[in-house]
Amino acid sequence: MGQTARVSAIAWTAAVSLAAWLWLLLCQGFFWRTDVRLPPEREPAAWPSVAVVVPARDEAEVLPASLPSLLAQDYPGRAEVFLVDDGSTDGTGELARELARRAGGLALNVSSPGEPPSGWTGKLWAVRHGIGLARARGPEYLLLTDADIAHEPDSLRRLVAAAHAGGFDVVSQMARLRVESLWERLVVPAFVYFFAQLYPFRRIGRKGARTAAAAGGCVLLRAETAERARIPDAIRHAVIDDVALARAVKGGGGHIWLGLAERVDSVRPYPRLHDLWRMVSRSAYAQLRHNPLVLFGTVLGLALVYLVPPVAVVAGLATGSAAAVAPGALAWLVMTGTYVPMLRYYRQPLWLAPLLPFTAFLYLLMTVDSAVQHYRGRGAAWKGRTYARPDAVVGEER
């Protein structure tokens, strides 16, 4: 009797998981599709001026693979790069100047704002400094891009043309992250998949929709919109800036767009699980507003949606219960099918798709670890700085 009740409970839980997956498949903005790419472009009659702002802290390792690509932009209008050395100890500023001397191309301005005052994150203080310098040139657009992001030569041209054609205040692309090590192959595509599940790209670009997000590695922003939305002052406490920036712009009536990049790539390596774990856990609990109840609900949700299907299949096969196997297998199949497009986008083998429950379990543990670190007083740490504000808004790391 007891075993029958347990099997019945597993079967019902698997049925709920299957219902959740059918809802996600059809009603969550088709988040699993990867065809939201840069909008149609129409070249402006006169190309607007652009200031490229690059906050950089201890980035000497990645700059040789990223900065020359920015300086080599084939942009018909006036453009200048402002790299803000945010207290680096590895010679980031000096290396940037040397790379510019060797590569030529767009003009490069390297400066340092000093340590951020209370209430500011280091990155946003650096962005503020860079925007302040850029405003003296009167740019019509600001491109906020991270020091680990490499751009194809036509990247800036296409971003500006898309913003002009669509009348967007923000055009942001989620850079294609590196996937070379085993752990990167397991974790990175899932990171983007989960992000799209939380913030369906189709809804972000729809006027009137409440969903707002951006990808901090590549954000083209109208300068007048930034001033109107008080960017970055209005989000100065944000641990990560992208979602906060998008909310500030959209909340003020701005039109934003976010999609997957085809010609913008992150060169930052995450070769070990420890590196990826730190990247996710440092800000995961801040994403949940440091709320224990939200954490509890998130853990239950991850378990129900991602872990129950394989558990139901294994338990059903062990007990001979088709009532548990059927909904569990169907839910697992839907889950696997929705993950396939992201693996194709990242050019990864499709046999990784059924392993998504394992990766989701890792993310569950990373989220719990993020909360544990918070209550130990460590907060969200990045490159020697710790941020523990309970109202921090997060998105994607720089």
Protein backbone atom coordinates (compact mmCIF):
# COMPACT_ATOMS: atom_id res chain seq x y z
CA MET A 1 0.00 0.00 0.00
CA GLY A 2 2.80 2.40 0.96
CA GLN A 3 4.76 1.69 -2.24
CA THR A 4 1.62 2.14 -4.36
CA ALA A 5 1.01 5.55 -2.75
CA ARG A 6 4.60 6.59 -3.43
CA VAL A 7 4.38 5.53 -7.07
CA SER A 8 1.07 7.35 -7.42
CA ALA A 9 2.63 10.52 -5.93
CA ILE A 10 5.53 10.28 -8.40
CA ALA A 11 3.09 9.80 -11.29
CA TRP A 12 1.03 12.85 -10.30
CA THR A 13 4.14 14.97 -9.79
CA ALA A 14 5.41 13.90 -13.21
CA ALA A 15 2.05 14.88 -14.71
CA VAL A 16 2.36 18.34 -13.16
CA SER A 17 5.89 18.62 -14.55
CA LEU A 18 4.61 17.64 -18.01
CA ALA A 19 1.88 20.30 -17.77
CA ALA A 20 4.53 22.86 -16.82
CA TRP A 21 6.62 21.92 -19.84
CA LEU A 22 3.66 22.15 -22.21
CA TRP A 23 2.98 25.64 -20.84
CA LEU A 24 6.64 26.63 -21.26
CA LEU A 25 6.67 25.21 -24.78
CA LEU A 26 3.65 27.17 -25.97
CA CYS A 27 3.08 30.10 -23.64
CA GLN A 28 6.48 31.47 -22.57
CA GLY A 29 7.18 33.57 -25.62
CA PHE A 30 8.65 30.63 -27.58
CA PHE A 31 11.80 31.24 -25.53
CA TRP A 32 13.41 28.08 -26.88
CA ARG A 33 13.64 29.37 -30.44
CA THR A 34 16.94 30.92 -31.45
CA ASP A 35 15.81 32.91 -34.49
CA VAL A 36 15.64 36.30 -32.73
CA ARG A 37 18.63 37.86 -34.44
CA LEU A 38 19.56 41.42 -35.34
CA PRO A 39 16.51 43.22 -36.79
CA PRO A 40 16.41 44.28 -40.45
CA GLU A 41 18.80 47.11 -41.16
CA ARG A 42 18.36 50.30 -43.15
CA GLU A 43 21.39 52.50 -43.52
CA PRO A 44 20.80 56.09 -42.38
CA ALA A 45 21.32 58.93 -44.82
CA ALA A 46 23.98 60.31 -42.46
CA TRP A 47 25.70 57.98 -40.03
CA PRO A 48 25.37 59.19 -36.42
CA SER A 49 28.39 59.59 -34.16
CA VAL A 50 29.08 56.82 -31.62
CA ALA A 51 31.09 56.64 -28.43
CA VAL A 52 32.18 53.13 -27.41
CA VAL A 53 32.55 52.80 -23.63
CA VAL A 54 34.55 49.83 -22.33
CA PRO A 55 34.83 49.35 -18.54
CA ALA A 56 37.85 47.15 -17.81
CA ARG A 57 39.23 45.74 -14.58
CA ASP A 58 42.23 43.37 -14.74
CA GLU A 59 41.53 42.39 -18.35
CA ALA A 60 45.09 42.07 -19.71
CA GLU A 61 44.46 38.38 -20.44
CA VAL A 62 41.58 39.01 -22.86
CA LEU A 63 42.28 42.48 -24.29
CA PRO A 64 44.59 41.27 -27.11
CA ALA A 65 41.71 39.18 -28.48
CA SER A 66 39.00 41.83 -28.05
CA LEU A 67 40.23 45.42 -28.17
CA PRO A 68 41.77 45.28 -31.69
CA SER A 69 38.40 44.12 -33.03
CA LEU A 70 36.76 47.28 -31.66
CA LEU A 71 39.46 49.53 -33.05
CA ALA A 72 39.06 47.86 -36.45
CA GLN A 73 35.35 48.71 -36.81
CA ASP A 74 34.40 49.61 -40.36
CA TYR A 75 32.04 52.43 -39.40
CA PRO A 76 31.24 55.22 -41.89
CA GLY A 77 30.48 57.82 -39.20
CA ARG A 78 32.56 59.27 -36.38
CA ALA A 79 33.38 56.78 -33.61
CA GLU A 80 35.77 56.78 -30.68
CA VAL A 81 36.59 54.19 -28.02
CA PHE A 82 36.73 55.15 -24.34
CA LEU A 83 38.36 52.40 -22.27
CA VAL A 84 38.00 53.04 -18.54
CA ASP A 85 40.62 51.25 -16.45
CA ASP A 86 38.71 50.39 -13.28
CA GLY A 87 41.57 50.08 -10.79
CA SER A 88 43.41 47.30 -12.62
CA THR A 89 46.57 45.82 -11.14
CA ASP A 90 47.67 43.87 -14.24
CA GLY A 91 48.58 46.76 -16.55
CA THR A 92 45.26 46.80 -18.42
CA GLY A 93 45.50 50.51 -19.29
CA GLU A 94 49.08 50.34 -20.53
CA LEU A 95 48.34 47.25 -22.60
CA ALA A 96 45.32 48.97 -24.18
CA ARG A 97 47.46 51.90 -25.27
CA GLU A 98 50.07 49.55 -26.72
CA LEU A 99 47.44 47.57 -28.63
CA ALA A 100 46.04 50.81 -30.07
CA ARG A 101 49.51 51.90 -31.19
CA ARG A 102 50.00 48.60 -32.96
CA ALA A 103 46.51 48.17 -34.43
CA GLY A 104 45.54 51.70 -35.35
CA GLY A 105 41.92 52.20 -36.40
CA LEU A 106 39.45 54.09 -34.21
CA ALA A 107 40.79 56.63 -31.72
CA LEU A 108 41.28 55.22 -28.23
CA ASN A 109 40.97 57.21 -25.00
CA VAL A 110 42.22 55.41 -21.85
CA SER A 111 41.37 56.86 -18.44
CA SER A 112 40.76 55.82 -14.84
CA PRO A 113 38.00 57.09 -12.52
CA GLY A 114 39.54 56.04 -9.21
CA GLU A 115 37.73 53.96 -6.60
CA PRO A 116 33.92 54.09 -6.71
CA PRO A 117 32.13 56.07 -3.99
CA SER A 118 29.69 54.41 -1.61
CA GLY A 119 26.53 53.25 -3.37
CA TRP A 120 28.20 52.56 -6.71
CA THR A 121 29.41 49.30 -8.18
CA GLY A 122 32.84 49.54 -9.75
CA LYS A 123 31.65 48.75 -13.26
CA LEU A 124 28.90 51.36 -13.29
CA TRP A 125 31.22 54.00 -11.80
CA ALA A 126 33.59 53.27 -14.67
CA VAL A 127 30.72 53.45 -17.19
CA ARG A 128 29.65 56.80 -15.72
CA HIS A 129 33.18 58.12 -16.10
CA GLY A 130 33.38 56.91 -19.69
CA ILE A 131 29.98 58.38 -20.62
CA GLY A 132 31.00 61.67 -19.03
CA LEU A 133 34.10 61.85 -21.22
CA ALA A 134 32.13 60.80 -24.29
CA ARG A 135 29.47 63.48 -23.82
CA ALA A 136 32.06 66.14 -24.53
CA ARG A 137 32.08 64.77 -28.11
CA GLY A 138 28.29 64.92 -28.38
CA PRO A 139 27.67 61.34 -29.61
CA GLU A 140 24.21 60.31 -30.74
CA TYR A 141 24.74 56.71 -29.63
CA LEU A 142 26.68 54.95 -26.88
CA LEU A 143 27.94 51.42 -27.34
CA LEU A 144 28.49 49.84 -23.93
CA THR A 145 30.59 46.74 -24.42
CA ASP A 146 32.72 44.61 -22.13
CA ALA A 147 36.47 44.14 -22.31
CA ASP A 148 36.11 40.45 -23.16
CA ILE A 149 33.85 41.00 -26.19
CA ALA A 150 35.23 40.66 -29.73
CA HIS A 151 33.30 42.32 -32.58
CA GLU A 152 33.40 41.53 -36.28
CA PRO A 153 34.40 44.59 -38.37
CA ASP A 154 30.79 45.39 -39.35
CA SER A 155 29.33 44.96 -35.85
CA LEU A 156 28.92 48.65 -35.00
CA ARG A 157 27.59 49.49 -38.46
CA ARG A 158 24.91 46.77 -38.21
CA LEU A 159 23.90 47.75 -34.67
CA VAL A 160 23.41 51.39 -35.60
CA ALA A 161 21.57 50.51 -38.82
CA ALA A 162 19.21 48.18 -36.91
CA ALA A 163 18.52 50.80 -34.23
CA HIS A 164 17.85 53.41 -36.92
CA ALA A 165 15.55 51.15 -38.94
CA GLY A 166 13.52 49.95 -35.96
CA GLY A 167 13.43 53.17 -33.96
CA PHE A 168 14.96 51.38 -30.98
CA ASP A 169 16.37 53.17 -27.95
CA VAL A 170 18.39 50.07 -27.03
CA VAL A 171 19.68 47.33 -29.30
CA SER A 172 21.49 44.62 -27.38
CA GLN A 173 23.02 41.35 -28.49
CA MET A 174 23.85 38.42 -26.27
CA ALA A 175 27.41 37.63 -27.30
CA ARG A 176 28.16 34.04 -28.17
CA LEU A 177 30.05 32.73 -25.14
CA ARG A 178 33.06 30.46 -25.39
CA VAL A 179 32.34 26.70 -25.48
CA GLU A 180 35.58 24.76 -25.70
CA SER A 181 36.11 22.87 -22.44
CA LEU A 182 33.82 20.03 -21.34
CA TRP A 183 32.29 22.14 -18.58
CA GLU A 184 31.71 25.06 -20.93
CA ARG A 185 29.85 22.72 -23.29
CA LEU A 186 27.64 21.49 -20.44
CA VAL A 187 26.95 24.79 -18.70
CA VAL A 188 27.25 27.72 -21.13
CA PRO A 189 24.44 26.93 -23.63
CA ALA A 190 22.18 26.19 -20.66
CA PHE A 191 23.05 29.59 -19.16
CA VAL A 192 21.68 31.36 -22.25
CA TYR A 193 18.73 28.94 -22.44
CA PHE A 194 17.74 29.70 -18.82
CA PHE A 195 18.19 33.44 -19.41
CA ALA A 196 15.87 33.29 -22.43
CA GLN A 197 13.36 31.31 -20.39
CA LEU A 198 13.28 34.08 -17.78
CA TYR A 199 13.32 36.90 -20.33
CA PRO A 200 11.83 35.70 -23.64
CA PHE A 201 13.46 37.76 -26.36
CA ARG A 202 10.27 38.14 -28.40
CA ARG A 203 8.51 39.82 -25.50
CA ILE A 204 11.40 42.17 -24.83
CA GLY A 205 11.15 43.72 -28.29
CA ARG A 206 7.36 44.07 -28.16
CA LYS A 207 6.00 47.52 -27.34
CA GLY A 208 3.72 47.42 -24.32
CA ALA A 209 5.19 44.16 -22.96
CA ARG A 210 6.57 44.37 -19.44
CA THR A 211 9.53 42.03 -20.02
CA ALA A 212 12.79 43.98 -20.09
CA ALA A 213 16.36 42.74 -20.32
CA ALA A 214 19.61 43.39 -22.12
CA ALA A 215 22.95 41.63 -22.44
CA GLY A 216 25.63 43.75 -20.83
CA GLY A 217 28.38 42.70 -23.20
CA CYS A 218 26.88 44.55 -26.17
CA VAL A 219 24.39 47.37 -25.62
CA LEU A 220 23.83 50.15 -28.16
CA LEU A 221 21.99 53.00 -26.41
CA ARG A 222 20.75 56.33 -27.70
CA ALA A 223 22.63 59.06 -25.84
CA GLU A 224 19.48 61.13 -25.30
CA THR A 225 17.70 58.06 -23.92
CA ALA A 226 20.57 57.46 -21.49
CA GLU A 227 20.30 61.04 -20.29
CA ARG A 228 16.53 60.88 -19.96
CA ALA A 229 16.66 57.57 -18.04
CA ARG A 230 19.59 58.81 -15.92
CA ILE A 231 21.85 55.96 -17.00
CA PRO A 232 23.93 54.91 -15.16
CA ASP A 233 23.09 57.01 -12.05
CA ALA A 234 19.62 55.49 -11.72
CA ILE A 235 21.10 51.98 -11.52
CA ARG A 236 24.35 52.82 -9.72
CA HIS A 237 23.91 50.11 -7.07
CA ALA A 238 23.24 47.29 -9.56
CA VAL A 239 25.64 44.38 -9.16
CA ILE A 240 25.20 43.70 -12.88
CA ASP A 241 23.83 46.40 -15.11
CA ASP A 242 22.07 44.87 -18.09
CA VAL A 243 18.61 43.99 -16.76
CA ALA A 244 18.58 47.13 -14.62
CA LEU A 245 19.44 49.31 -17.63
CA ALA A 246 16.74 47.71 -19.77
CA ARG A 247 14.12 48.17 -17.04
CA ALA A 248 15.06 51.81 -16.58
CA VAL A 249 14.78 52.52 -20.31
CA LYS A 250 11.59 50.54 -20.86
CA GLY A 251 10.03 51.95 -17.70
CA GLY A 252 10.50 55.41 -19.21
CA GLY A 253 8.70 54.42 -22.40
CA GLY A 254 11.75 53.42 -24.40
CA HIS A 255 11.72 50.76 -27.11
CA ILE A 256 14.31 48.01 -26.57
CA TRP A 257 15.43 44.92 -28.44
CA LEU A 258 17.52 41.92 -27.40
CA GLY A 259 18.59 38.95 -29.48
CA LEU A 260 21.32 36.40 -30.04
CA ALA A 261 24.52 37.57 -31.69
CA GLU A 262 26.02 36.11 -34.83
CA ARG A 263 29.15 38.26 -35.09
CA VAL A 264 29.83 39.25 -31.47
CA ASP A 265 31.72 36.78 -29.26
CA SER A 266 33.00 36.58 -25.70
CA VAL A 267 36.64 35.52 -25.48
CA ARG A 268 36.62 34.99 -21.72
CA PRO A 269 37.52 31.37 -20.86
CA TYR A 270 35.76 29.31 -18.18
CA PRO A 271 37.77 26.08 -18.46
CA ARG A 272 36.87 24.59 -15.06
CA LEU A 273 33.59 23.97 -13.27
CA HIS A 274 34.90 26.19 -10.48
CA ASP A 275 35.14 29.15 -12.88
CA LEU A 276 31.58 28.70 -14.12
CA TRP A 277 30.31 28.05 -10.60
CA ARG A 278 31.79 31.34 -9.41
CA MET A 279 30.38 33.20 -12.40
CA VAL A 280 26.82 32.02 -11.63
CA SER A 281 26.82 31.85 -7.83
CA ARG A 282 28.32 35.28 -7.27
CA SER A 283 25.06 36.96 -8.30
CA ALA A 284 22.35 34.27 -8.39
CA TYR A 285 20.88 35.13 -4.98
CA ALA A 286 20.86 38.83 -5.82
CA GLN A 287 18.73 37.89 -8.85
CA LEU A 288 16.23 36.54 -6.31
CA ARG A 289 16.33 39.85 -4.39
CA HIS A 290 17.96 38.07 -1.44
CA ASN A 291 14.53 36.73 -0.52
CA PRO A 292 14.51 33.30 1.20
CA LEU A 293 10.93 32.60 0.10
CA VAL A 294 11.80 33.32 -3.53
CA LEU A 295 14.85 31.07 -3.15
CA PHE A 296 12.67 28.29 -1.77
CA GLY A 297 10.21 28.66 -4.64
CA THR A 298 13.02 28.72 -7.19
CA VAL A 299 14.55 25.52 -5.85
CA LEU A 300 11.15 23.79 -5.86
CA GLY A 301 10.47 25.06 -9.38
CA LEU A 302 13.81 23.85 -10.72
CA ALA A 303 13.27 20.47 -9.10
CA LEU A 304 9.73 20.10 -10.43
CA VAL A 305 10.49 21.22 -13.98
CA TYR A 306 13.94 19.75 -14.56
CA LEU A 307 14.58 16.97 -12.05
CA VAL A 308 11.20 15.27 -11.69
CA PRO A 309 11.00 13.93 -15.29
CA PRO A 310 14.16 11.75 -15.18
CA VAL A 311 13.42 10.72 -11.58
CA ALA A 312 9.91 9.66 -12.60
CA VAL A 313 11.26 7.64 -15.53
CA VAL A 314 13.82 5.82 -13.38
CA ALA A 315 11.36 5.24 -10.51
CA GLY A 316 8.64 4.11 -12.91
CA LEU A 317 10.91 1.63 -14.65
CA ALA A 318 12.12 0.30 -11.29
CA THR A 319 8.56 -0.26 -10.05
CA GLY A 320 6.96 -1.18 -13.36
CA SER A 321 4.65 1.84 -13.24
CA ALA A 322 3.71 3.07 -16.70
CA ALA A 323 1.72 5.87 -15.02
CA ALA A 324 5.00 7.36 -13.78
CA VAL A 325 7.13 6.58 -16.83
CA ALA A 326 4.76 8.05 -19.45
CA PRO A 327 4.42 11.65 -18.17
CA GLY A 328 8.04 11.69 -17.01
CA ALA A 329 9.33 10.56 -20.39
CA LEU A 330 7.09 13.01 -22.27
CA ALA A 331 8.20 15.90 -20.05
CA TRP A 332 11.86 14.91 -20.54
CA LEU A 333 11.28 14.68 -24.29
CA VAL A 334 9.76 18.19 -24.45
CA MET A 335 12.60 19.53 -22.32
CA THR A 336 15.16 17.91 -24.59
CA GLY A 337 13.46 19.18 -27.73
CA THR A 338 13.37 22.79 -26.50
CA TYR A 339 17.10 22.65 -25.73
CA VAL A 340 18.14 21.38 -29.17
CA PRO A 341 17.94 24.81 -30.93
CA MET A 342 20.31 26.35 -28.37
CA LEU A 343 22.81 23.52 -28.81
CA ARG A 344 22.64 24.01 -32.58
CA TYR A 345 23.23 27.74 -32.14
CA TYR A 346 26.34 26.90 -30.12
CA ARG A 347 27.33 24.19 -32.62
CA GLN A 348 27.34 21.51 -29.92
CA PRO A 349 26.50 17.79 -30.25
CA LEU A 350 22.83 17.04 -29.72
CA TRP A 351 23.55 14.19 -27.29
CA LEU A 352 24.03 16.93 -24.69
CA ALA A 353 20.31 17.78 -24.83
CA PRO A 354 19.06 14.91 -22.60
CA LEU A 355 21.68 15.94 -20.01
CA LEU A 356 19.89 19.23 -19.31
CA PRO A 357 18.45 17.92 -15.99
CA PHE A 358 22.02 17.36 -14.76
CA THR A 359 23.02 20.89 -15.75
CA ALA A 360 19.88 22.28 -14.12
CA PHE A 361 20.83 20.45 -10.92
CA LEU A 362 24.21 22.18 -11.04
CA TYR A 363 22.47 25.54 -11.40
CA LEU A 364 20.23 24.67 -8.44
CA LEU A 365 23.31 23.99 -6.32
CA MET A 366 24.98 27.20 -7.55
CA THR A 367 21.90 29.20 -6.55
CA VAL A 368 21.81 27.67 -3.08
CA ASP A 369 25.55 28.28 -2.71
CA SER A 370 25.00 31.92 -3.66
CA ALA A 371 22.52 32.26 -0.79
CA VAL A 372 24.91 30.52 1.61
CA GLN A 373 27.70 32.92 0.66
CA HIS A 374 25.36 35.88 1.16
CA TYR A 375 24.42 34.83 4.69
CA ARG A 376 28.07 34.26 5.49
CA GLY A 377 28.53 37.94 4.74
CA ARG A 378 30.48 37.49 1.51
CA GLY A 379 27.90 38.96 -0.88
CA ALA A 380 28.40 39.05 -4.63
CA ALA A 381 32.15 39.09 -5.29
CA TRP A 382 33.91 39.98 -8.52
CA LYS A 383 37.58 40.79 -9.10
CA GLY A 384 38.39 41.78 -5.56
CA ARG A 385 35.17 43.64 -4.79
CA THR A 386 32.19 42.42 -2.79
CA TYR A 387 28.68 43.80 -3.15
CA ALA A 388 26.08 42.86 -0.57
CA ARG A 389 23.27 45.35 -1.14
CA PRO A 390 19.91 43.59 -0.73
CA ASP A 391 18.30 45.65 -3.49
CA ALA A 392 20.88 44.87 -6.18
CA VAL A 393 19.52 44.09 -9.61
CA VAL A 394 21.44 41.61 -11.70
CA GLY A 395 21.61 40.26 -15.19
CA GLU A 396 24.73 38.97 -16.86
CA GLU A 397 28.31 39.37 -15.77
CA ARG A 398 30.78 41.59 -17.46
